[in-house]
Each structure stands twice: as structure tokens, then as C-alpha cells.
Amino acid sequence: MTQQKKFPDTLVILMSILLVFVILTWIIPAGTFDRMEMNGREVVVPGSYQQVEAAPQGLGAFLMAPIKGFIGAGQIIAFVFLIGGAFAMINKTGAMDAGIHSVLEASRRNKNIKRWSIPILMTMFSLGGATFGMSEEVLVFVMITIPLGIALGYDSIVGVAISFVGAGAGFAGAFLNPFTVGVAQGIAELPPFSGMSYRLIAWVIMTVAAIVFVMRYAAKIEKNPEKSPVYELDKQRDDKIVNGGPVDFTRRHKWVLWLLLLSLVVLVLGVSEWGWYINEITGLFLALGILAAVIGGISLDDAVSSFKHGAKEMMVPALVIALAKGLIVVAEDGRIIDTMLNSLASMASGLPKGLSVEMMFIFQSLLNFFIPSGSGQAALTMPIMAPLSDLLGVSRQVAVLAFQFGDGFSNLIIPTSGVTMGILAIAKIPYNIWFRWMLPLFLIFSVLAMIFLFFAVMYIQ
């Protein structure tokens, strides 16, 4: 029997892309736009592009990119380590295992619980993406949805999709996301969150498309688990719910889970109402881990040991996030991002307005490979796309919509996104498996986005 060729490890993939980025700095001319301050953000000045002295990156840049990536992504890397430790303390109490087992038993007694779990949970995560821009927070939730997805008889891909794809569909089809819609409309000088009715329709359809896709896949895996591309990987997971017998659901377990639920409510309020970000979220879950250890009745030594073990398990996700950030550092230091922005914007300007809007969407999707940050990409592209839409006779709302779709959907699949690669590393799902699974849904999203943009050109003024 011929041995199947193993796909390269995620770190190898990222290092290979890093090498490509280094080579691109020798091929693509260096250039920059002038910057100015607008609404508290630094944005580019349209028409100010100029070529500058080349800044090709060499062997030194290649070798230093990982450490620069650690520096640039230091906050989110620390977040991953500390959250991993905090969740390990919660898991040590046994509350997560007992709670998931309880849901599993309830689903066996009542099939409606299992049938509606995916659409309800994905809708909730989509609302999070659509309203307060849930993104990095998914790194927390996948630690819950992965074992839940497996326990319900599906696989780890379903577990990741419930939270990550759910939030991603909402993020891309957002009607209130302040980090994409809010920033882009502010730069385009549009009323805050205007055009909401059209975006609300887009959000509903995108969310339904994601739910249907995941449920169809889940039904196939439930019928024949061996069809899962992660079947062998999931069998190797050390999970009491998947591999063990009944788990007692004690009063301590219930109190820990109520505390977890309360923390998630506080998280949503903190992000949406109080302006919380990574620092505050980390502090919240550290407090949760400590209180869970106390309520769960585990000893101080066991709590500390669990914390260290959980943080250690996050080593690969941390390396992946650092390398993904290192890619962007090389492109920025090589001064090639503004050149690509200028070239792609010039291509869109010479086309009929219907086609040019579709080009805007494709352009934003491609640029997201180099700038996987919603607000960062908005600050870079909207000062150019907004006046370009005026010249084309297209509403600025449509330009914002093209940016929103292009930035959002590609986040689910690009290897330069620290969040995407970090989630896959936590889930222990190889990137090539995720890419093959996600590609059909990404294409569905892209077709829907282009349809929405087509009608937007005609009806949005």
C-alpha cells in the first residue's frame, strides 16, 4: 500500500509564505501614500502615492520576522497563554465535562435539543460578530464548542464552525460592527451605521447560508463518522466525554458553570458597552479560573499545575500567531502594501461601475491577505475607495459594503490571520484540512456578496 504523503505542518506553511513575502519585496516596487489624521485615525491621502527607495528584505529580515511577530502580536499571544491556563483550571474542576455530558444525555432523550443546537448557537455567535465585532474572543469559545461538537456526535470541525464560522458570518455581514462598518463609514464621511436595513438583510442571508452548510456537513458526519477528515485526529483526543463513561454532575459543577455563564454575559457587556478589549477579557477569565478552582474544590497545587499545563498547551498557537504577524511585518518593512493598493485601485477605476464594485470586493479580499485587520484595512483603503466610488457614480455605502464583505469572509480562510491560525492550532486541525472544508463555503459567501453588491449598485444611493 502506498503511504499517503503528509501535508506540511502549519509552521512550515507560514515559514514558506514568509519566504514568498521576502521575495516579493525584491519584485514589487516600494511606494507609500501620505498619511493624515481623520476622526482620530491615521488614513492615507488619495492621489498621494509615490514610489520610494526600494527596501528589499533579506535573510536577516526572514530570520527576525518571528521575533518581530512576537513583539507585534505580544498582547494577543499573552492573551492566548493566560486564557489557556485559566480554562485548564476550569476543566480541572470537571464542570465542563459534566455539563457537556448532561447536554449530551438530554439530547439523547430529546432529539430537538440536538437538532436546534447548531442553528441557535451559530446565530448567537453571528450576532456577536455583527454587533460588537467578535473575533479574538472566539479563541475562548472554541475551547467550549469543540468538545460540545464532538460530544453531540459530530467532529471538531463542527465544533470550530459553530463559534468561528458563526462569528465570521456575522462579522462579514455586520450591521453594527464598530470595527469595520463604524470605522469605514466614519472615514467615508457617512452617517454612523447608515444603510442598516440592507446590511441586516445581508446578515440574515449570510448567517442562514453558514448554518445550512454546517448542518448539512454535521448530518453527513452523524450518519457516517468516518467521512470526517479529522476522524483519526478526533479519536486521539483525550476527552472524558468522548472516550469515557458517565460523569457525575455535582452541585459544585453547576456553580462553576453558572459562574462561566455569568462571565460570558459580562464579556458581551464589556466588549459592547464598556469598550473592553484583550486586557480586560484576560483579567475576567483569570478571575473566572481562580474562582472556579475555589468553588470546584481543587487544591492550590492542582490549580497551579493545571494553569501551567493549559498555558503550555498554547505554545503552538502562540508560535503560529507570531509567525502570521511576522508575515505582515515583512510586507510593511518592504513597503509593498501601498504599491499593491495603488495598483489594484487603478485597475478598478477603468471599469464599468457594476464591474468595478465587484473588483473592489475582490481587491479587498486580496488585500486582507496582507492586512488581516478590519479597522486597519478600513483606514488604509477607504480614503481611496470612497472618492473612487464618487468618480464611478457609485454610492459610498456600496464601497463600504465591498470593503466589509472582502475583509470579513476572507478572514475565515487566510493563513496570515493570527486568529484563524490560532483557532486551528488550538483545535489541532491542520490548515490544509480546514482550507479544503472551508473553501466551498467561502465561495458561497463570495457569490452571495457579489449578488448583494450587484443589487446595491442599482438601489443604494
Protein backbone atom coordinates (compact mmCIF):
# COMPACT_ATOMS: atom_id res chain seq x y z
CA MET A 1 0.00 0.00 0.00
CA THR A 2 1.35 3.45 -0.94
CA GLN A 3 1.90 5.65 2.09
CA GLN A 4 -0.08 8.88 1.91
CA LYS A 5 2.11 11.93 1.65
CA LYS A 6 1.82 14.08 4.75
CA PHE A 7 0.88 17.73 4.31
CA PRO A 8 3.41 20.20 5.75
CA ASP A 9 2.91 21.42 9.31
CA THR A 10 1.26 24.81 9.82
CA LEU A 11 4.57 26.34 10.92
CA VAL A 12 6.22 25.11 7.72
CA ILE A 13 3.40 26.66 5.66
CA LEU A 14 3.81 30.01 7.39
CA MET A 15 7.59 29.98 7.01
CA SER A 16 7.14 29.22 3.29
CA ILE A 17 4.72 32.15 2.90
CA LEU A 18 7.21 34.30 4.80
CA LEU A 19 9.87 33.40 2.24
CA VAL A 20 7.47 34.37 -0.57
CA PHE A 21 6.85 37.72 1.11
CA VAL A 22 10.58 38.34 1.32
CA ILE A 23 10.93 37.58 -2.41
CA LEU A 24 8.01 39.90 -3.24
CA THR A 25 9.85 42.82 -1.64
CA TRP A 26 12.51 42.34 -4.36
CA ILE A 27 9.91 42.23 -7.16
CA ILE A 28 7.18 44.74 -6.23
CA PRO A 29 8.33 48.40 -6.32
CA ALA A 30 8.36 50.15 -2.96
CA GLY A 31 5.90 53.00 -2.55
CA THR A 32 3.91 54.94 0.01
CA PHE A 33 0.90 57.17 0.38
CA ASP A 34 0.98 60.29 2.52
CA ARG A 35 -1.00 59.98 5.74
CA MET A 36 -3.25 62.38 7.60
CA GLU A 37 -5.37 62.37 10.74
CA MET A 38 -9.11 61.78 10.31
CA ASN A 39 -11.58 61.02 13.10
CA GLY A 40 -8.72 60.06 15.40
CA ARG A 41 -7.20 57.62 12.89
CA GLU A 42 -4.27 57.84 10.52
CA VAL A 43 -5.54 57.41 6.96
CA VAL A 44 -3.96 57.65 3.51
CA VAL A 45 -4.29 60.73 1.31
CA PRO A 46 -5.89 59.82 -2.07
CA GLY A 47 -3.69 60.62 -5.06
CA SER A 48 -0.55 60.97 -2.94
CA TYR A 49 1.05 57.66 -3.91
CA GLN A 50 4.68 57.86 -4.89
CA GLN A 51 7.42 55.35 -5.40
CA VAL A 52 10.23 55.47 -2.86
CA GLU A 53 13.60 53.89 -2.48
CA ALA A 54 13.38 50.11 -2.58
CA ALA A 55 13.52 48.30 0.74
CA PRO A 56 14.07 44.65 -0.20
CA GLN A 57 14.06 42.28 2.74
CA GLY A 58 16.80 39.66 3.00
CA LEU A 59 17.94 36.76 5.13
CA GLY A 60 18.14 38.96 8.24
CA ALA A 61 14.51 40.07 7.82
CA PHE A 62 13.45 36.45 7.28
CA LEU A 63 15.16 35.33 10.49
CA MET A 64 14.00 38.30 12.55
CA ALA A 65 10.37 38.20 11.36
CA PRO A 66 9.30 35.65 14.04
CA ILE A 67 10.62 37.76 16.93
CA LYS A 68 9.12 40.91 15.39
CA GLY A 69 5.89 38.96 15.09
CA PHE A 70 6.06 38.10 18.79
CA ILE A 71 6.58 41.79 19.59
CA GLY A 72 3.80 42.97 17.27
CA ALA A 73 1.32 40.35 18.46
CA GLY A 74 2.57 40.28 22.05
CA GLN A 75 -0.78 41.24 23.54
CA ILE A 76 -2.80 38.54 21.80
CA ILE A 77 -0.08 35.94 22.45
CA ALA A 78 -0.14 36.71 26.17
CA PHE A 79 -3.93 36.53 25.97
CA VAL A 80 -3.73 33.01 24.47
CA PHE A 81 -1.31 31.76 27.14
CA LEU A 82 -3.30 33.18 30.05
CA ILE A 83 -6.70 32.11 28.67
CA GLY A 84 -5.32 28.60 28.09
CA GLY A 85 -4.19 28.47 31.71
CA ALA A 86 -7.48 29.81 33.03
CA PHE A 87 -9.55 27.29 31.06
CA ALA A 88 -7.32 24.47 32.23
CA MET A 89 -8.23 25.38 35.82
CA ILE A 90 -11.92 25.34 34.90
CA ASN A 91 -11.50 21.96 33.18
CA LYS A 92 -9.72 20.60 36.26
CA THR A 93 -12.90 21.08 38.28
CA GLY A 94 -14.65 18.59 35.96
CA ALA A 95 -17.54 21.02 35.46
CA MET A 96 -17.08 21.28 31.69
CA ASP A 97 -17.05 17.52 31.22
CA ALA A 98 -20.06 17.08 33.49
CA GLY A 99 -22.01 19.90 31.83
CA ILE A 100 -21.38 18.67 28.28
CA HIS A 101 -22.26 15.13 29.32
CA SER A 102 -25.51 16.46 30.78
CA VAL A 103 -26.34 18.19 27.48
CA LEU A 104 -25.45 15.01 25.63
CA GLU A 105 -27.77 12.93 27.81
CA ALA A 106 -30.57 15.48 27.37
CA SER A 107 -30.11 15.39 23.58
CA ARG A 108 -30.46 11.62 23.64
CA ARG A 109 -33.78 11.95 25.45
CA ASN A 110 -35.00 14.86 23.31
CA LYS A 111 -33.79 14.99 19.70
CA ASN A 112 -34.93 18.62 19.36
CA ILE A 113 -32.12 19.74 21.67
CA LYS A 114 -29.50 18.27 19.36
CA ARG A 115 -31.33 19.36 16.20
CA TRP A 116 -31.51 23.01 17.26
CA SER A 117 -28.13 23.31 18.99
CA ILE A 118 -26.19 24.24 15.85
CA PRO A 119 -28.59 26.92 14.47
CA ILE A 120 -29.18 28.52 17.87
CA LEU A 121 -25.51 28.67 18.84
CA MET A 122 -24.35 29.83 15.40
CA THR A 123 -26.99 32.59 15.39
CA MET A 124 -25.76 33.77 18.79
CA PHE A 125 -22.14 33.87 17.62
CA SER A 126 -23.19 35.59 14.39
CA LEU A 127 -24.94 38.27 16.42
CA GLY A 128 -21.70 38.74 18.35
CA GLY A 129 -19.78 39.25 15.11
CA ALA A 130 -22.42 41.57 13.68
CA THR A 131 -22.81 43.83 16.71
CA PHE A 132 -19.54 44.09 18.61
CA GLY A 133 -17.12 42.56 16.12
CA MET A 134 -16.47 39.24 17.87
CA SER A 135 -13.12 37.96 16.58
CA GLU A 136 -10.31 37.34 19.08
CA GLU A 137 -12.96 36.30 21.60
CA VAL A 138 -13.58 33.13 19.56
CA LEU A 139 -10.22 31.86 20.83
CA VAL A 140 -12.02 31.48 24.16
CA PHE A 141 -15.23 29.96 22.87
CA VAL A 142 -13.70 27.23 20.69
CA MET A 143 -12.47 25.60 23.90
CA ILE A 144 -16.15 25.04 24.71
CA THR A 145 -17.66 24.37 21.29
CA ILE A 146 -15.06 21.79 20.14
CA PRO A 147 -15.80 19.24 22.90
CA LEU A 148 -19.52 20.05 22.56
CA GLY A 149 -19.46 19.36 18.82
CA ILE A 150 -17.70 16.03 19.33
CA ALA A 151 -19.96 15.02 22.20
CA LEU A 152 -23.06 15.63 20.08
CA GLY A 153 -21.80 13.02 17.62
CA TYR A 154 -20.18 15.34 15.09
CA ASP A 155 -16.48 16.27 14.92
CA SER A 156 -14.04 19.01 15.86
CA ILE A 157 -14.66 20.84 12.56
CA VAL A 158 -18.31 21.29 13.54
CA GLY A 159 -17.15 22.43 16.96
CA VAL A 160 -14.90 25.09 15.41
CA ALA A 161 -17.54 26.08 12.84
CA ILE A 162 -20.22 26.70 15.48
CA SER A 163 -18.24 29.56 17.02
CA PHE A 164 -15.70 30.61 14.36
CA VAL A 165 -17.83 30.40 11.21
CA GLY A 166 -20.85 31.68 13.12
CA ALA A 167 -18.98 34.76 14.32
CA GLY A 168 -17.25 35.14 10.94
CA ALA A 169 -20.53 35.20 9.01
CA GLY A 170 -21.82 37.87 11.39
CA PHE A 171 -18.57 39.86 11.20
CA ALA A 172 -18.67 39.95 7.40
CA GLY A 173 -22.40 40.62 7.14
CA ALA A 174 -22.39 43.00 10.09
CA PHE A 175 -24.96 45.74 10.51
CA LEU A 176 -23.48 47.33 13.66
CA ASN A 177 -19.82 46.22 13.86
CA PRO A 178 -17.94 49.31 15.07
CA PHE A 179 -14.55 47.93 13.99
CA THR A 180 -15.49 47.55 10.31
CA VAL A 181 -18.75 49.31 9.41
CA GLY A 182 -18.27 52.06 12.00
CA VAL A 183 -14.67 52.87 11.07
CA ALA A 184 -15.25 52.60 7.29
CA GLN A 185 -18.35 54.80 7.35
CA GLY A 186 -16.59 57.37 9.51
CA ILE A 187 -13.70 57.63 7.03
CA ALA A 188 -16.15 57.70 4.09
CA GLU A 189 -17.97 60.57 5.86
CA LEU A 190 -21.26 58.68 6.05
CA PRO A 191 -23.72 58.78 8.98
CA PRO A 192 -22.77 56.17 11.60
CA PHE A 193 -24.31 52.77 10.81
CA SER A 194 -26.42 54.17 7.97
CA GLY A 195 -27.70 51.69 5.40
CA MET A 196 -28.51 49.26 8.21
CA SER A 197 -31.64 47.79 6.62
CA TYR A 198 -29.73 46.45 3.60
CA ARG A 199 -26.94 45.14 5.82
CA LEU A 200 -29.49 43.46 8.06
CA ILE A 201 -30.87 41.52 5.08
CA ALA A 202 -27.31 40.56 4.10
CA TRP A 203 -26.56 39.42 7.65
CA VAL A 204 -29.66 37.19 7.81
CA ILE A 205 -28.91 35.51 4.48
CA MET A 206 -25.19 35.05 5.20
CA THR A 207 -25.96 33.56 8.62
CA VAL A 208 -28.58 31.19 7.20
CA ALA A 209 -26.13 30.09 4.49
CA ALA A 210 -23.48 29.32 7.12
CA ILE A 211 -25.93 27.40 9.32
CA VAL A 212 -27.27 25.31 6.42
CA PHE A 213 -23.75 24.47 5.25
CA VAL A 214 -22.61 23.37 8.70
CA MET A 215 -25.81 21.42 9.42
CA ARG A 216 -25.58 19.53 6.11
CA TYR A 217 -22.00 18.57 6.93
CA ALA A 218 -22.92 17.65 10.52
CA ALA A 219 -25.72 15.38 9.27
CA LYS A 220 -23.28 13.59 6.96
CA ILE A 221 -20.79 13.06 9.81
CA GLU A 222 -23.51 11.90 12.20
CA LYS A 223 -24.58 9.29 9.66
CA ASN A 224 -21.02 8.11 8.97
CA PRO A 225 -18.36 9.50 11.34
CA GLU A 226 -15.56 8.02 9.25
CA LYS A 227 -16.31 10.55 6.49
CA SER A 228 -14.90 13.27 8.73
CA PRO A 229 -11.48 14.50 7.54
CA VAL A 230 -10.48 14.73 11.22
CA TYR A 231 -11.87 11.32 12.21
CA GLU A 232 -8.50 9.87 13.18
CA LEU A 233 -7.42 13.11 14.89
CA ASP A 234 -10.58 13.23 16.99
CA LYS A 235 -10.12 9.61 18.05
CA GLN A 236 -6.78 10.58 19.57
CA ARG A 237 -8.25 13.34 21.72
CA ASP A 238 -8.02 12.78 25.46
CA ASP A 239 -11.62 13.65 26.26
CA LYS A 240 -13.66 12.03 29.00
CA ILE A 241 -16.93 12.87 27.29
CA VAL A 242 -15.90 11.31 24.00
CA ASN A 243 -13.90 8.39 25.32
CA GLY A 244 -15.23 7.81 28.81
CA GLY A 245 -18.37 6.79 30.62
CA PRO A 246 -20.93 8.73 32.65
CA VAL A 247 -19.79 11.81 34.56
CA ASP A 248 -21.41 12.88 37.84
CA PHE A 249 -22.96 16.36 37.66
CA THR A 250 -22.49 17.70 41.19
CA ARG A 251 -23.64 20.91 42.83
CA ARG A 252 -20.07 22.28 42.62
CA HIS A 253 -20.08 21.61 38.88
CA LYS A 254 -23.34 23.53 38.47
CA TRP A 255 -21.99 26.53 40.38
CA VAL A 256 -18.85 26.60 38.23
CA LEU A 257 -20.93 26.51 35.04
CA TRP A 258 -23.24 29.26 36.31
CA LEU A 259 -20.10 31.30 37.01
CA LEU A 260 -18.88 30.62 33.46
CA LEU A 261 -22.23 31.71 32.02
CA LEU A 262 -22.16 34.90 34.12
CA SER A 263 -18.63 35.60 32.87
CA LEU A 264 -19.74 35.24 29.25
CA VAL A 265 -22.58 37.71 29.86
CA VAL A 266 -20.11 40.14 31.43
CA LEU A 267 -17.79 39.59 28.44
CA VAL A 268 -20.52 40.59 25.97
CA LEU A 269 -21.45 43.65 28.02
CA GLY A 270 -17.82 44.61 28.49
CA VAL A 271 -17.00 44.49 24.79
CA SER A 272 -20.22 46.06 23.52
CA GLU A 273 -20.94 48.63 26.25
CA TRP A 274 -17.73 49.34 28.16
CA GLY A 275 -15.11 49.24 25.41
CA TRP A 276 -13.29 46.17 26.72
CA TYR A 277 -10.56 44.53 24.69
CA ILE A 278 -7.91 41.90 25.28
CA ASN A 279 -6.56 43.19 28.62
CA GLU A 280 -9.97 43.30 30.29
CA ILE A 281 -11.10 39.98 28.79
CA THR A 282 -7.91 38.32 30.05
CA GLY A 283 -8.46 39.70 33.54
CA LEU A 284 -12.06 38.48 33.50
CA PHE A 285 -11.09 34.89 32.64
CA LEU A 286 -8.21 34.82 35.09
CA ALA A 287 -10.70 35.78 37.79
CA LEU A 288 -13.06 33.10 36.46
CA GLY A 289 -10.32 30.45 36.61
CA ILE A 290 -9.38 31.33 40.18
CA LEU A 291 -12.99 31.43 41.40
CA ALA A 292 -13.78 28.18 39.57
CA ALA A 293 -10.86 26.49 41.31
CA VAL A 294 -12.15 27.67 44.69
CA ILE A 295 -15.78 26.73 44.03
CA GLY A 296 -14.79 23.47 42.36
CA GLY A 297 -12.86 22.43 45.44
CA ILE A 298 -9.49 21.74 43.79
CA SER A 299 -6.30 22.28 45.76
CA LEU A 300 -3.91 25.19 45.21
CA ASP A 301 -1.23 22.86 43.87
CA ASP A 302 -3.65 21.27 41.42
CA ALA A 303 -4.89 24.67 40.29
CA VAL A 304 -1.36 25.97 39.64
CA SER A 305 -0.35 22.73 37.93
CA SER A 306 -3.43 22.90 35.70
CA PHE A 307 -2.75 26.52 34.84
CA LYS A 308 0.82 25.74 33.77
CA HIS A 309 -0.33 22.74 31.74
CA GLY A 310 -3.01 24.81 29.98
CA ALA A 311 -0.54 27.59 29.18
CA LYS A 312 1.95 25.02 27.86
CA GLU A 313 -0.72 23.63 25.53
CA MET A 314 -0.94 27.10 23.94
CA MET A 315 2.71 27.10 22.82
CA VAL A 316 1.96 26.08 19.22
CA PRO A 317 -0.96 28.55 18.84
CA ALA A 318 1.33 31.30 20.17
CA LEU A 319 4.06 30.42 17.65
CA VAL A 320 1.50 30.36 14.84
CA ILE A 321 0.12 33.79 15.78
CA ALA A 322 3.64 35.25 15.99
CA LEU A 323 4.62 33.89 12.58
CA ALA A 324 1.39 35.15 10.99
CA LYS A 325 2.14 38.63 12.36
CA GLY A 326 5.74 38.32 11.15
CA LEU A 327 4.49 37.97 7.59
CA ILE A 328 2.79 41.35 7.81
CA VAL A 329 5.89 42.94 9.34
CA VAL A 330 7.99 41.86 6.32
CA ALA A 331 5.44 43.30 3.87
CA GLU A 332 5.30 46.58 5.80
CA ASP A 333 9.08 46.89 6.12
CA GLY A 334 9.42 46.13 2.39
CA ARG A 335 6.96 48.97 1.62
CA ILE A 336 4.97 46.90 -0.87
CA ILE A 337 1.46 47.16 0.61
CA ASP A 338 0.77 50.71 -0.59
CA THR A 339 2.05 49.79 -4.06
CA MET A 340 -0.41 46.91 -4.29
CA LEU A 341 -3.20 49.15 -3.00
CA ASN A 342 -2.46 51.79 -5.65
CA SER A 343 -2.25 49.24 -8.48
CA LEU A 344 -5.47 47.46 -7.58
CA ALA A 345 -7.38 50.74 -7.11
CA SER A 346 -6.18 51.89 -10.55
CA MET A 347 -7.47 48.67 -12.10
CA ALA A 348 -10.94 49.18 -10.60
CA SER A 349 -11.17 52.80 -11.81
CA GLY A 350 -11.18 51.91 -15.51
CA LEU A 351 -14.18 49.55 -15.44
CA PRO A 352 -17.98 49.99 -15.71
CA LYS A 353 -19.42 50.80 -12.29
CA GLY A 354 -21.12 47.42 -11.83
CA LEU A 355 -17.92 45.53 -12.57
CA SER A 356 -15.72 47.99 -10.68
CA VAL A 357 -17.67 47.34 -7.46
CA GLU A 358 -17.08 43.62 -7.85
CA MET A 359 -13.40 44.43 -8.40
CA MET A 360 -13.45 46.42 -5.15
CA PHE A 361 -14.69 43.33 -3.34
CA ILE A 362 -12.04 41.09 -4.90
CA PHE A 363 -9.38 43.71 -4.21
CA GLN A 364 -10.37 43.99 -0.52
CA SER A 365 -10.30 40.18 -0.23
CA LEU A 366 -6.81 40.00 -1.74
CA LEU A 367 -5.52 42.87 0.38
CA ASN A 368 -6.82 41.17 3.51
CA PHE A 369 -4.15 38.52 2.96
CA PHE A 370 -1.60 41.23 3.76
CA ILE A 371 -3.66 43.27 6.26
CA PRO A 372 -5.91 40.89 8.26
CA SER A 373 -7.30 43.70 10.40
CA GLY A 374 -10.73 45.17 9.79
CA SER A 375 -10.10 48.63 11.20
CA GLY A 376 -6.54 48.69 9.82
CA GLN A 377 -7.70 47.82 6.32
CA ALA A 378 -10.51 50.39 6.53
CA ALA A 379 -8.01 53.13 7.48
CA LEU A 380 -5.78 52.14 4.55
CA THR A 381 -8.33 51.60 1.77
CA MET A 382 -11.46 53.68 2.45
CA PRO A 383 -9.77 57.09 1.85
CA ILE A 384 -9.11 55.81 -1.69
CA MET A 385 -12.22 53.70 -2.27
CA ALA A 386 -14.65 56.41 -1.12
CA PRO A 387 -13.57 59.10 -3.64
CA LEU A 388 -13.12 56.39 -6.29
CA SER A 389 -16.76 55.40 -5.83
CA ASP A 390 -17.74 59.07 -6.39
CA LEU A 391 -15.88 59.09 -9.72
CA LEU A 392 -17.60 55.85 -10.74
CA GLY A 393 -21.05 57.16 -9.84
CA VAL A 394 -21.45 54.57 -7.09
CA SER A 395 -22.72 55.26 -3.58
CA ARG A 396 -20.09 55.35 -0.86
CA GLN A 397 -22.31 52.93 1.05
CA VAL A 398 -21.58 50.38 -1.67
CA ALA A 399 -17.84 50.98 -1.32
CA VAL A 400 -18.13 50.35 2.42
CA LEU A 401 -20.14 47.18 1.73
CA ALA A 402 -17.46 45.92 -0.69
CA PHE A 403 -14.80 46.53 1.97
CA GLN A 404 -16.89 44.84 4.66
CA PHE A 405 -17.51 41.68 2.62
CA GLY A 406 -13.95 41.50 1.30
CA ASP A 407 -12.40 41.88 4.72
CA GLY A 408 -14.83 39.61 6.57
CA PHE A 409 -15.20 36.43 4.56
CA SER A 410 -11.53 36.01 3.69
CA ASN A 411 -10.70 36.11 7.42
CA LEU A 412 -12.14 32.59 7.65
CA ILE A 413 -9.57 31.09 5.31
CA ILE A 414 -6.37 33.15 5.03
CA PRO A 415 -3.22 31.77 6.70
CA THR A 416 -1.95 35.26 7.58
CA SER A 417 -4.71 35.79 10.15
CA GLY A 418 -3.37 35.17 13.64
CA VAL A 419 -6.89 34.49 14.93
CA THR A 420 -7.65 31.93 12.21
CA MET A 421 -4.37 30.08 12.60
CA GLY A 422 -4.52 30.33 16.40
CA ILE A 423 -8.00 28.75 16.45
CA LEU A 424 -6.87 25.91 14.18
CA ALA A 425 -3.81 25.34 16.37
CA ILE A 426 -5.99 25.17 19.49
CA ALA A 427 -8.34 22.76 17.69
CA LYS A 428 -5.33 20.78 16.35
CA ILE A 429 -6.87 20.85 12.87
CA PRO A 430 -4.24 21.06 10.09
CA TYR A 431 -4.61 24.12 7.88
CA ASN A 432 -4.94 22.10 4.65
CA ILE A 433 -7.91 20.16 6.09
CA TRP A 434 -9.61 23.36 7.20
CA PHE A 435 -8.92 25.04 3.83
CA ARG A 436 -10.50 22.19 1.85
CA TRP A 437 -13.52 22.11 4.17
CA MET A 438 -13.96 25.90 4.25
CA LEU A 439 -13.35 26.64 0.55
CA PRO A 440 -16.87 25.69 -0.70
CA LEU A 441 -18.50 27.86 1.98
CA PHE A 442 -16.08 30.70 1.21
CA LEU A 443 -17.09 30.51 -2.46
CA ILE A 444 -20.78 30.51 -1.48
CA PHE A 445 -20.18 33.59 0.67
CA SER A 446 -18.30 35.27 -2.19
CA VAL A 447 -21.09 34.63 -4.70
CA LEU A 448 -23.69 35.96 -2.24
CA ALA A 449 -21.52 39.03 -1.59
CA MET A 450 -21.24 39.76 -5.32
CA ILE A 451 -25.01 39.40 -5.74
CA PHE A 452 -25.62 41.81 -2.87
CA LEU A 453 -23.14 44.28 -4.38
CA PHE A 454 -24.78 43.98 -7.80
CA PHE A 455 -28.17 44.97 -6.41
CA ALA A 456 -26.59 47.58 -4.13
CA VAL A 457 -25.18 49.43 -7.16
CA MET A 458 -28.73 49.75 -8.54
CA TYR A 459 -30.72 50.50 -5.40
CA ILE A 460 -28.42 52.16 -2.82
CA GLN A 461 -27.90 55.88 -3.36
